[in-house]
C-alpha cells in the first residue's frame, strides 16, 4: 500500500505553517511558563528555557500532525471523531513527554528558577495544540469547500454541454426527414429549385458536422448557416412562415455557441410563436 503524504491527505502543504508556527509557539510558551524569569529580567534563564520550549513544541506538533493525518485518512468526513481522538492522544502524549523531559527541565532550572506547575503546563500545551489542530481543520475545510464548488461548477457546465449536444443531435434525424419530404415534392414540380434545395441542405449539414466539436463559432459563420437553414424552412412551410432578420450586415466579428440561432428558430416554429431575431 502506497503511503499518502500529508498534503495528499489534508489538501495543503503545512511546511510554512510549521516554519512560522514552531518558533512563535516556542516564544509564547516560554513567556507563559517562565513568566517569573521574564518579570525579573532574567534573560539568561529565558535563553536557556527557550530551546526546551522549542523541543516541547516540535515533539507535540510532530506527534499530533502524524496523528491528525491518520485520523484524517480513517475518518475523512467525521470531524467530531477526529477531534475527540486527538484530545485523547494529546492527554497521553502530554504525560509521556512531561515524564521524559521532566528531568532535563529540572536540571536546567536548578539555578534559574522554579519549574512551572503541571496544571499550567497542561493548559498551555492544550491551548497551543488545539490552536494548531483548528488551523489544520479550517484550512482543510476551506480547500474541500473550494473543490466542491469547483466540481459542482464543472458538473453544471458538463450538464449544459450535454443538453446542448442533445439539442444539436436532434437536427440530424428530424430535420433531415422533413427536408427529404420537401425535396420529394420539389423534384417533379421544380427541378432547378430542387437542386438549390439540395445545395442548401448540404451546406447546413456540412456546418453541423464541422461545428459540433467547437465551443464557440464566429457569428458570421453562424449567420451564413442560418440563411441556408431559413431557405430550407421557407421551402417547407411556404408563405406560412415569415422570417425577418435585422442588421445582418452589422457587426459580425463576435462569437456564438454553434447552432444556438438554429435552435431558437426551431423552438419558435415548434411552439407557433413569433421569433424576431436581431444581431448586435
C-alpha atoms as a PDB file:
ATOM      1  CA  UNK A   1       0.000   0.000   0.000  1.00  0.00           C
ATOM      2  CA  UNK A   2       1.419   3.371  -1.044  1.00  0.00           C
ATOM      3  CA  UNK A   3       1.663   5.784   1.870  1.00  0.00           C
ATOM      4  CA  UNK A   4      -0.019   9.117   1.290  1.00  0.00           C
ATOM      5  CA  UNK A   5       1.772  12.359   2.040  1.00  0.00           C
ATOM      6  CA  UNK A   6       0.344  14.909   4.452  1.00  0.00           C
ATOM      7  CA  UNK A   7      -0.560  17.185   1.526  1.00  0.00           C
ATOM      8  CA  UNK A   8      -2.475  14.405  -0.227  1.00  0.00           C
ATOM      9  CA  UNK A   9      -4.484  13.711   2.927  1.00  0.00           C
ATOM     10  CA  UNK A  10      -5.157  17.256   4.158  1.00  0.00           C
ATOM     11  CA  UNK A  11      -5.143  19.031   0.801  1.00  0.00           C
ATOM     12  CA  UNK A  12      -2.465  21.568   1.719  1.00  0.00           C
ATOM     13  CA  UNK A  13       1.260  21.782   2.451  1.00  0.00           C
ATOM     14  CA  UNK A  14       1.917  22.786   6.075  1.00  0.00           C
ATOM     15  CA  UNK A  15       5.636  23.461   5.646  1.00  0.00           C
ATOM     16  CA  UNK A  16       5.308  27.222   6.033  1.00  0.00           C
ATOM     17  CA  UNK A  17       2.863  26.814   8.907  1.00  0.00           C
ATOM     18  CA  UNK A  18       5.445  24.757  10.791  1.00  0.00           C
ATOM     19  CA  UNK A  19       8.354  27.067   9.919  1.00  0.00           C
ATOM     20  CA  UNK A  20       6.467  30.067  11.266  1.00  0.00           C
ATOM     21  CA  UNK A  21       4.410  28.324  13.938  1.00  0.00           C
ATOM     22  CA  UNK A  22       7.136  26.407  15.800  1.00  0.00           C
ATOM     23  CA  UNK A  23       9.305  29.445  16.707  1.00  0.00           C
ATOM     24  CA  UNK A  24       6.235  31.528  17.523  1.00  0.00           C
ATOM     25  CA  UNK A  25       4.741  28.799  19.714  1.00  0.00           C
ATOM     26  CA  UNK A  26       8.076  28.308  21.492  1.00  0.00           C
ATOM     27  CA  UNK A  27       8.337  32.005  22.341  1.00  0.00           C
ATOM     28  CA  UNK A  28       4.754  32.180  23.583  1.00  0.00           C
ATOM     29  CA  UNK A  29       5.132  29.031  25.691  1.00  0.00           C
ATOM     30  CA  UNK A  30       8.382  30.367  27.191  1.00  0.00           C
ATOM     31  CA  UNK A  31       6.770  33.678  28.149  1.00  0.00           C
ATOM     32  CA  UNK A  32       3.756  31.915  29.709  1.00  0.00           C
ATOM     33  CA  UNK A  33       5.540  29.125  31.599  1.00  0.00           C
ATOM     34  CA  UNK A  34       8.536  31.189  32.697  1.00  0.00           C
ATOM     35  CA  UNK A  35       6.795  34.462  33.383  1.00  0.00           C
ATOM     36  CA  UNK A  36       8.682  34.984  36.661  1.00  0.00           C
ATOM     37  CA  UNK A  37      12.038  34.960  34.887  1.00  0.00           C
ATOM     38  CA  UNK A  38      10.636  37.449  32.392  1.00  0.00           C
ATOM     39  CA  UNK A  39       9.365  39.789  35.127  1.00  0.00           C
ATOM     40  CA  UNK A  40      12.717  39.571  36.922  1.00  0.00           C
ATOM     41  CA  UNK A  41      14.563  40.326  33.727  1.00  0.00           C
ATOM     42  CA  UNK A  42      16.405  37.033  33.944  1.00  0.00           C
ATOM     43  CA  UNK A  43      17.192  36.870  30.231  1.00  0.00           C
ATOM     44  CA  UNK A  44      19.922  34.293  30.725  1.00  0.00           C
ATOM     45  CA  UNK A  45      17.378  31.873  32.160  1.00  0.00           C
ATOM     46  CA  UNK A  46      14.912  32.643  29.363  1.00  0.00           C
ATOM     47  CA  UNK A  47      17.550  31.938  26.716  1.00  0.00           C
ATOM     48  CA  UNK A  48      18.080  28.536  28.322  1.00  0.00           C
ATOM     49  CA  UNK A  49      14.352  27.797  28.595  1.00  0.00           C
ATOM     50  CA  UNK A  50      13.584  28.808  25.007  1.00  0.00           C
ATOM     51  CA  UNK A  51      15.318  25.783  23.389  1.00  0.00           C
ATOM     52  CA  UNK A  52      13.473  23.497  25.803  1.00  0.00           C
ATOM     53  CA  UNK A  53      10.163  25.075  24.813  1.00  0.00           C
ATOM     54  CA  UNK A  54      11.159  24.644  21.181  1.00  0.00           C
ATOM     55  CA  UNK A  55      11.873  20.962  21.825  1.00  0.00           C
ATOM     56  CA  UNK A  56       8.483  20.563  23.513  1.00  0.00           C
ATOM     57  CA  UNK A  57       6.796  22.267  20.553  1.00  0.00           C
ATOM     58  CA  UNK A  58       8.492  20.031  17.987  1.00  0.00           C
ATOM     59  CA  UNK A  59       7.544  16.845  19.843  1.00  0.00           C
ATOM     60  CA  UNK A  60       3.903  17.871  20.340  1.00  0.00           C
ATOM     61  CA  UNK A  61       3.486  19.299  16.845  1.00  0.00           C
ATOM     62  CA  UNK A  62       5.086  16.358  15.034  1.00  0.00           C
ATOM     63  CA  UNK A  63       3.149  13.808  17.092  1.00  0.00           C
ATOM     64  CA  UNK A  64      -0.219  15.495  16.649  1.00  0.00           C
ATOM     65  CA  UNK A  65       0.492  16.141  12.961  1.00  0.00           C
ATOM     66  CA  UNK A  66       1.083  12.443  12.376  1.00  0.00           C
ATOM     67  CA  UNK A  67      -1.999  11.544  14.446  1.00  0.00           C
ATOM     68  CA  UNK A  68      -4.104  14.105  12.567  1.00  0.00           C
ATOM     69  CA  UNK A  69      -3.015  12.542   9.276  1.00  0.00           C
ATOM     70  CA  UNK A  70      -4.003   9.048  10.475  1.00  0.00           C
ATOM     71  CA  UNK A  71      -7.412  10.191  11.732  1.00  0.00           C
ATOM     72  CA  UNK A  72      -7.965  12.184   8.530  1.00  0.00           C
ATOM     73  CA  UNK A  73      -7.426   9.027   6.478  1.00  0.00           C
ATOM     74  CA  UNK A  74      -9.624   6.877   8.716  1.00  0.00           C
ATOM     75  CA  UNK A  75     -12.375   9.453   9.372  1.00  0.00           C
ATOM     76  CA  UNK A  76     -12.240  11.880   6.417  1.00  0.00           C
ATOM     77  CA  UNK A  77     -15.769  13.227   6.936  1.00  0.00           C
ATOM     78  CA  UNK A  78     -16.186  12.904  10.716  1.00  0.00           C
ATOM     79  CA  UNK A  79     -14.588  15.936  12.364  1.00  0.00           C
ATOM     80  CA  UNK A  80     -16.058  15.165  15.806  1.00  0.00           C
ATOM     81  CA  UNK A  81     -14.382  11.752  15.911  1.00  0.00           C
ATOM     82  CA  UNK A  82     -11.081  13.262  14.778  1.00  0.00           C
ATOM     83  CA  UNK A  83     -11.142  15.974  17.451  1.00  0.00           C
ATOM     84  CA  UNK A  84     -12.132  13.511  20.178  1.00  0.00           C
ATOM     85  CA  UNK A  85      -9.348  11.120  19.151  1.00  0.00           C
ATOM     86  CA  UNK A  86      -6.782  13.934  19.009  1.00  0.00           C
ATOM     87  CA  UNK A  87      -7.797  15.082  22.504  1.00  0.00           C
ATOM     88  CA  UNK A  88      -7.204  11.594  23.904  1.00  0.00           C
ATOM     89  CA  UNK A  89      -3.875  11.331  22.108  1.00  0.00           C
ATOM     90  CA  UNK A  90      -2.861  14.730  23.477  1.00  0.00           C
ATOM     91  CA  UNK A  91      -3.527  13.694  27.083  1.00  0.00           C
ATOM     92  CA  UNK A  92      -1.434  10.560  26.744  1.00  0.00           C
ATOM     93  CA  UNK A  93       1.256  12.421  24.824  1.00  0.00           C
ATOM     94  CA  UNK A  94       1.432  15.157  27.452  1.00  0.00           C
ATOM     95  CA  UNK A  95       2.231  12.771  30.293  1.00  0.00           C
ATOM     96  CA  UNK A  96       4.745  10.812  28.199  1.00  0.00           C
ATOM     97  CA  UNK A  97       6.566  13.969  27.114  1.00  0.00           C
ATOM     98  CA  UNK A  98       6.340  15.536  30.553  1.00  0.00           C
ATOM     99  CA  UNK A  99       7.870  12.476  32.263  1.00  0.00           C
ATOM    100  CA  UNK A 100      10.527  12.091  29.565  1.00  0.00           C
ATOM    101  CA  UNK A 101      11.669  15.697  29.579  1.00  0.00           C
ATOM    102  CA  UNK A 102      10.944  16.436  33.230  1.00  0.00           C
ATOM    103  CA  UNK A 103      14.451  15.536  34.423  1.00  0.00           C
ATOM    104  CA  UNK A 104      16.032  17.690  31.707  1.00  0.00           C
ATOM    105  CA  UNK A 105      13.874  20.643  32.660  1.00  0.00           C
ATOM    106  CA  UNK A 106      14.596  20.246  36.356  1.00  0.00           C
ATOM    107  CA  UNK A 107      18.328  20.043  35.654  1.00  0.00           C
ATOM    108  CA  UNK A 108      18.320  23.225  33.588  1.00  0.00           C
ATOM    109  CA  UNK A 109      16.140  25.135  36.034  1.00  0.00           C
ATOM    110  CA  UNK A 110      18.101  24.156  39.142  1.00  0.00           C
ATOM    111  CA  UNK A 111      19.815  27.547  39.294  1.00  0.00           C
ATOM    112  CA  UNK A 112      17.426  29.583  37.163  1.00  0.00           C
ATOM    113  CA  UNK A 113      14.099  29.358  38.932  1.00  0.00           C
ATOM    114  CA  UNK A 114      11.206  27.108  39.852  1.00  0.00           C
ATOM    115  CA  UNK A 115       9.699  24.606  37.489  1.00  0.00           C
ATOM    116  CA  UNK A 116       6.224  25.633  36.207  1.00  0.00           C
ATOM    117  CA  UNK A 117       3.228  23.858  37.702  1.00  0.00           C
ATOM    118  CA  UNK A 118       1.840  20.773  35.996  1.00  0.00           C
ATOM    119  CA  UNK A 119      -1.569  22.430  35.561  1.00  0.00           C
ATOM    120  CA  UNK A 120      -0.075  25.471  33.825  1.00  0.00           C
ATOM    121  CA  UNK A 121       1.999  23.229  31.557  1.00  0.00           C
ATOM    122  CA  UNK A 122      -1.046  21.135  30.662  1.00  0.00           C
ATOM    123  CA  UNK A 123      -3.333  24.106  29.951  1.00  0.00           C
ATOM    124  CA  UNK A 124      -0.700  25.926  27.897  1.00  0.00           C
ATOM    125  CA  UNK A 125       0.162  22.843  25.873  1.00  0.00           C
ATOM    126  CA  UNK A 126      -3.511  22.037  25.303  1.00  0.00           C
ATOM    127  CA  UNK A 127      -4.312  25.547  24.060  1.00  0.00           C
ATOM    128  CA  UNK A 128      -1.346  25.584  21.673  1.00  0.00           C
ATOM    129  CA  UNK A 129      -2.121  22.124  20.305  1.00  0.00           C
ATOM    130  CA  UNK A 130      -5.825  22.922  19.954  1.00  0.00           C
ATOM    131  CA  UNK A 131      -4.921  26.076  18.036  1.00  0.00           C
ATOM    132  CA  UNK A 132      -2.741  24.114  15.616  1.00  0.00           C
ATOM    133  CA  UNK A 133      -5.415  21.442  15.093  1.00  0.00           C
ATOM    134  CA  UNK A 134      -8.096  24.059  14.446  1.00  0.00           C
ATOM    135  CA  UNK A 135      -5.868  25.790  11.887  1.00  0.00           C
ATOM    136  CA  UNK A 136      -5.389  22.459  10.117  1.00  0.00           C
ATOM    137  CA  UNK A 137      -9.114  21.706  10.183  1.00  0.00           C
ATOM    138  CA  UNK A 138     -10.022  25.202   8.944  1.00  0.00           C
ATOM    139  CA  UNK A 139      -7.573  25.027   6.035  1.00  0.00           C
ATOM    140  CA  UNK A 140      -8.686  21.513   5.122  1.00  0.00           C
ATOM    141  CA  UNK A 141     -12.367  22.519   5.228  1.00  0.00           C
ATOM    142  CA  UNK A 142     -11.699  25.613   3.101  1.00  0.00           C
ATOM    143  CA  UNK A 143      -9.878  23.569   0.459  1.00  0.00           C
ATOM    144  CA  UNK A 144     -12.585  20.876   0.434  1.00  0.00           C
ATOM    145  CA  UNK A 145     -15.227  23.588   0.039  1.00  0.00           C
ATOM    146  CA  UNK A 146     -13.342  25.103  -2.898  1.00  0.00           C
ATOM    147  CA  UNK A 147     -13.047  21.681  -4.518  1.00  0.00           C
ATOM    148  CA  UNK A 148     -16.752  21.010  -4.001  1.00  0.00           C
ATOM    149  CA  UNK A 149     -17.680  24.352  -5.580  1.00  0.00           C
ATOM    150  CA  UNK A 150     -15.312  23.715  -8.496  1.00  0.00           C
ATOM    151  CA  UNK A 151     -16.671  20.197  -9.024  1.00  0.00           C
ATOM    152  CA  UNK A 152     -20.259  21.472  -8.856  1.00  0.00           C
ATOM    153  CA  UNK A 153     -19.496  24.179 -11.417  1.00  0.00           C
ATOM    154  CA  UNK A 154     -17.815  21.638 -13.688  1.00  0.00           C
ATOM    155  CA  UNK A 155     -20.755  19.236 -13.399  1.00  0.00           C
ATOM    156  CA  UNK A 156     -23.188  22.037 -14.204  1.00  0.00           C
ATOM    157  CA  UNK A 157     -21.088  23.021 -17.223  1.00  0.00           C
ATOM    158  CA  UNK A 158     -20.955  19.424 -18.428  1.00  0.00           C
ATOM    159  CA  UNK A 159     -24.703  19.102 -17.931  1.00  0.00           C
ATOM    160  CA  UNK A 160     -25.361  22.220 -20.006  1.00  0.00           C
ATOM    161  CA  UNK A 161     -22.990  20.993 -22.707  1.00  0.00           C
ATOM    162  CA  UNK A 162     -24.705  17.602 -22.662  1.00  0.00           C
ATOM    163  CA  UNK A 163     -28.116  19.218 -23.085  1.00  0.00           C
ATOM    164  CA  UNK A 164     -26.790  21.408 -25.876  1.00  0.00           C
ATOM    165  CA  UNK A 165     -25.246  18.395 -27.592  1.00  0.00           C
ATOM    166  CA  UNK A 166     -28.568  16.594 -27.322  1.00  0.00           C
ATOM    167  CA  UNK A 167     -30.314  19.520 -28.972  1.00  0.00           C
ATOM    168  CA  UNK A 168     -27.685  19.586 -31.697  1.00  0.00           C
ATOM    169  CA  UNK A 169     -28.170  15.892 -32.373  1.00  0.00           C
ATOM    170  CA  UNK A 170     -31.870  16.478 -32.858  1.00  0.00           C
ATOM    171  CA  UNK A 171     -31.040  18.424 -36.014  1.00  0.00           C
ATOM    172  CA  UNK A 172     -29.894  15.263 -37.776  1.00  0.00           C
ATOM    173  CA  UNK A 173     -32.906  12.871 -37.760  1.00  0.00           C
ATOM    174  CA  UNK A 174     -35.919  15.196 -37.567  1.00  0.00           C
ATOM    175  CA  UNK A 175     -34.735  17.974 -39.823  1.00  0.00           C
ATOM    176  CA  UNK A 176     -33.333  15.573 -42.402  1.00  0.00           C
ATOM    177  CA  UNK A 177     -36.587  13.603 -42.547  1.00  0.00           C
ATOM    178  CA  UNK A 178     -38.666  16.750 -43.065  1.00  0.00           C
ATOM    179  CA  UNK A 179     -36.224  18.112 -45.643  1.00  0.00           C
ATOM    180  CA  UNK A 180     -36.307  14.896 -47.664  1.00  0.00           C
ATOM    181  CA  UNK A 181     -40.106  15.026 -47.702  1.00  0.00           C
ATOM    182  CA  UNK A 182     -39.950  18.581 -49.011  1.00  0.00           C
ATOM    183  CA  UNK A 183     -37.393  17.563 -51.627  1.00  0.00           C
ATOM    184  CA  UNK A 184     -39.706  14.763 -52.798  1.00  0.00           C
ATOM    185  CA  UNK A 185     -42.337  17.323 -53.770  1.00  0.00           C
ATOM    186  CA  UNK A 186     -39.837  19.769 -55.318  1.00  0.00           C
ATOM    187  CA  UNK A 187     -38.169  17.349 -57.748  1.00  0.00           C
ATOM    188  CA  UNK A 188     -41.156  16.849 -60.074  1.00  0.00           C
ATOM    189  CA  UNK A 189     -42.514  20.394 -59.688  1.00  0.00           C
ATOM    190  CA  UNK A 190     -39.327  22.499 -59.946  1.00  0.00           C
ATOM    191  CA  UNK A 191     -36.079  20.594 -60.623  1.00  0.00           C
ATOM    192  CA  UNK A 192     -33.941  23.769 -60.518  1.00  0.00           C
ATOM    193  CA  UNK A 193     -35.270  24.697 -57.080  1.00  0.00           C
ATOM    194  CA  UNK A 194     -34.756  21.097 -56.014  1.00  0.00           C
ATOM    195  CA  UNK A 195     -31.087  21.333 -56.977  1.00  0.00           C
ATOM    196  CA  UNK A 196     -30.720  24.542 -54.996  1.00  0.00           C
ATOM    197  CA  UNK A 197     -32.546  22.900 -52.087  1.00  0.00           C
ATOM    198  CA  UNK A 198     -30.045  20.035 -52.079  1.00  0.00           C
ATOM    199  CA  UNK A 199     -27.154  22.512 -52.176  1.00  0.00           C
ATOM    200  CA  UNK A 200     -28.506  24.425 -49.174  1.00  0.00           C
ATOM    201  CA  UNK A 201     -29.237  21.182 -47.340  1.00  0.00           C
ATOM    202  CA  UNK A 202     -25.664  20.061 -47.936  1.00  0.00           C
ATOM    203  CA  UNK A 203     -24.402  23.422 -46.669  1.00  0.00           C
ATOM    204  CA  UNK A 204     -26.465  23.077 -43.486  1.00  0.00           C
ATOM    205  CA  UNK A 205     -25.207  19.597 -42.644  1.00  0.00           C
ATOM    206  CA  UNK A 206     -21.628  20.428 -43.504  1.00  0.00           C
ATOM    207  CA  UNK A 207     -21.811  23.278 -40.984  1.00  0.00           C
ATOM    208  CA  UNK A 208     -23.387  20.967 -38.382  1.00  0.00           C
ATOM    209  CA  UNK A 209     -20.602  18.408 -38.781  1.00  0.00           C
ATOM    210  CA  UNK A 210     -17.791  20.982 -38.785  1.00  0.00           C
ATOM    211  CA  UNK A 211     -19.036  22.952 -35.779  1.00  0.00           C
ATOM    212  CA  UNK A 212     -20.325  20.203 -33.473  1.00  0.00           C
ATOM    213  CA  UNK A 213     -16.973  19.934 -31.598  1.00  0.00           C
ATOM    214  CA  UNK A 214     -16.418  23.705 -31.356  1.00  0.00           C
ATOM    215  CA  UNK A 215     -17.174  25.615 -28.147  1.00  0.00           C
ATOM    216  CA  UNK A 216     -17.646  28.903 -29.989  1.00  0.00           C
ATOM    217  CA  UNK A 217     -18.003  29.819 -33.648  1.00  0.00           C
ATOM    218  CA  UNK A 218     -17.664  33.167 -35.490  1.00  0.00           C
ATOM    219  CA  UNK A 219     -21.024  34.928 -35.639  1.00  0.00           C
ATOM    220  CA  UNK A 220     -20.555  35.490 -39.380  1.00  0.00           C
ATOM    221  CA  UNK A 221     -20.373  31.732 -39.994  1.00  0.00           C
ATOM    222  CA  UNK A 222     -23.466  31.159 -37.872  1.00  0.00           C
ATOM    223  CA  UNK A 223     -25.402  33.763 -39.857  1.00  0.00           C
ATOM    224  CA  UNK A 224     -24.366  32.209 -43.163  1.00  0.00           C
ATOM    225  CA  UNK A 225     -25.578  28.850 -41.902  1.00  0.00           C
ATOM    226  CA  UNK A 226     -28.798  30.463 -40.712  1.00  0.00           C
ATOM    227  CA  UNK A 227     -29.532  31.829 -44.184  1.00  0.00           C
ATOM    228  CA  UNK A 228     -29.278  28.316 -45.654  1.00  0.00           C
ATOM    229  CA  UNK A 229     -31.408  26.924 -42.828  1.00  0.00           C
ATOM    230  CA  UNK A 230     -34.092  29.592 -43.357  1.00  0.00           C
ATOM    231  CA  UNK A 231     -34.176  28.784 -47.059  1.00  0.00           C
ATOM    232  CA  UNK A 232     -34.991  25.155 -46.277  1.00  0.00           C
ATOM    233  CA  UNK A 233     -37.674  26.170 -43.788  1.00  0.00           C
ATOM    234  CA  UNK A 234     -39.355  28.501 -46.256  1.00  0.00           C
ATOM    235  CA  UNK A 235     -39.472  25.799 -48.896  1.00  0.00           C
ATOM    236  CA  UNK A 236     -41.129  23.555 -46.365  1.00  0.00           C
ATOM    237  CA  UNK A 237     -43.676  25.996 -44.895  1.00  0.00           C
ATOM    238  CA  UNK A 238     -44.098  28.332 -47.857  1.00  0.00           C
ATOM    239  CA  UNK A 239     -45.862  31.641 -47.171  1.00  0.00           C
ATOM    240  CA  UNK A 240     -46.990  30.410 -43.776  1.00  0.00           C
ATOM    241  CA  UNK A 241     -43.518  31.163 -42.441  1.00  0.00           C
ATOM    242  CA  UNK A 242     -42.445  34.790 -42.235  1.00  0.00           C
ATOM    243  CA  UNK A 243     -38.911  35.492 -41.024  1.00  0.00           C
ATOM    244  CA  UNK A 244     -37.260  38.899 -40.826  1.00  0.00           C
ATOM    245  CA  UNK A 245     -33.688  39.387 -39.654  1.00  0.00           C
ATOM    246  CA  UNK A 246     -32.471  42.848 -38.703  1.00  0.00           C
ATOM    247  CA  UNK A 247     -28.968  44.283 -39.088  1.00  0.00           C
ATOM    248  CA  UNK A 248     -27.434  41.209 -40.721  1.00  0.00           C
ATOM    249  CA  UNK A 249     -24.786  43.431 -42.252  1.00  0.00           C
ATOM    250  CA  UNK A 250     -23.814  44.964 -38.929  1.00  0.00           C
ATOM    251  CA  UNK A 251     -21.012  43.976 -36.587  1.00  0.00           C
ATOM    252  CA  UNK A 252     -20.401  40.256 -37.044  1.00  0.00           C
ATOM    253  CA  UNK A 253     -16.947  39.938 -35.513  1.00  0.00           C
ATOM    254  CA  UNK A 254     -18.253  38.327 -32.345  1.00  0.00           C
ATOM    255  CA  UNK A 255     -18.621  34.662 -31.470  1.00  0.00           C
ATOM    256  CA  UNK A 256     -21.561  32.462 -30.538  1.00  0.00           C
ATOM    257  CA  UNK A 257     -22.236  28.900 -29.429  1.00  0.00           C
ATOM    258  CA  UNK A 258     -22.817  26.840 -32.581  1.00  0.00           C
ATOM    259  CA  UNK A 259     -26.433  26.164 -33.635  1.00  0.00           C
ATOM    260  CA  UNK A 260     -27.980  28.382 -30.963  1.00  0.00           C
ATOM    261  CA  UNK A 261     -29.784  30.532 -33.538  1.00  0.00           C
ATOM    262  CA  UNK A 262     -30.998  27.400 -35.309  1.00  0.00           C
ATOM    263  CA  UNK A 263     -32.403  26.045 -32.039  1.00  0.00           C
ATOM    264  CA  UNK A 264     -34.083  29.411 -31.387  1.00  0.00           C
ATOM    265  CA  UNK A 265     -35.860  29.324 -34.750  1.00  0.00           C
ATOM    266  CA  UNK A 266     -36.754  25.639 -34.436  1.00  0.00           C
ATOM    267  CA  UNK A 267     -38.251  26.181 -30.980  1.00  0.00           C
ATOM    268  CA  UNK A 268     -40.249  29.198 -32.166  1.00  0.00           C
ATOM    269  CA  UNK A 269     -41.664  27.250 -35.113  1.00  0.00           C
ATOM    270  CA  UNK A 270     -42.430  24.214 -32.972  1.00  0.00           C
ATOM    271  CA  UNK A 271     -44.470  26.220 -30.465  1.00  0.00           C
ATOM    272  CA  UNK A 272     -46.025  28.525 -33.044  1.00  0.00           C
ATOM    273  CA  UNK A 273     -44.571  31.709 -31.575  1.00  0.00           C
ATOM    274  CA  UNK A 274     -43.214  34.877 -33.154  1.00  0.00           C
ATOM    275  CA  UNK A 275     -39.422  34.985 -33.389  1.00  0.00           C
ATOM    276  CA  UNK A 276     -37.824  38.354 -34.062  1.00  0.00           C
ATOM    277  CA  UNK A 277     -34.043  37.917 -34.235  1.00  0.00           C
ATOM    278  CA  UNK A 278     -31.736  40.907 -34.170  1.00  0.00           C
ATOM    279  CA  UNK A 279     -27.953  40.649 -34.259  1.00  0.00           C
ATOM    280  CA  UNK A 280     -25.881  43.157 -32.326  1.00  0.00           C
END
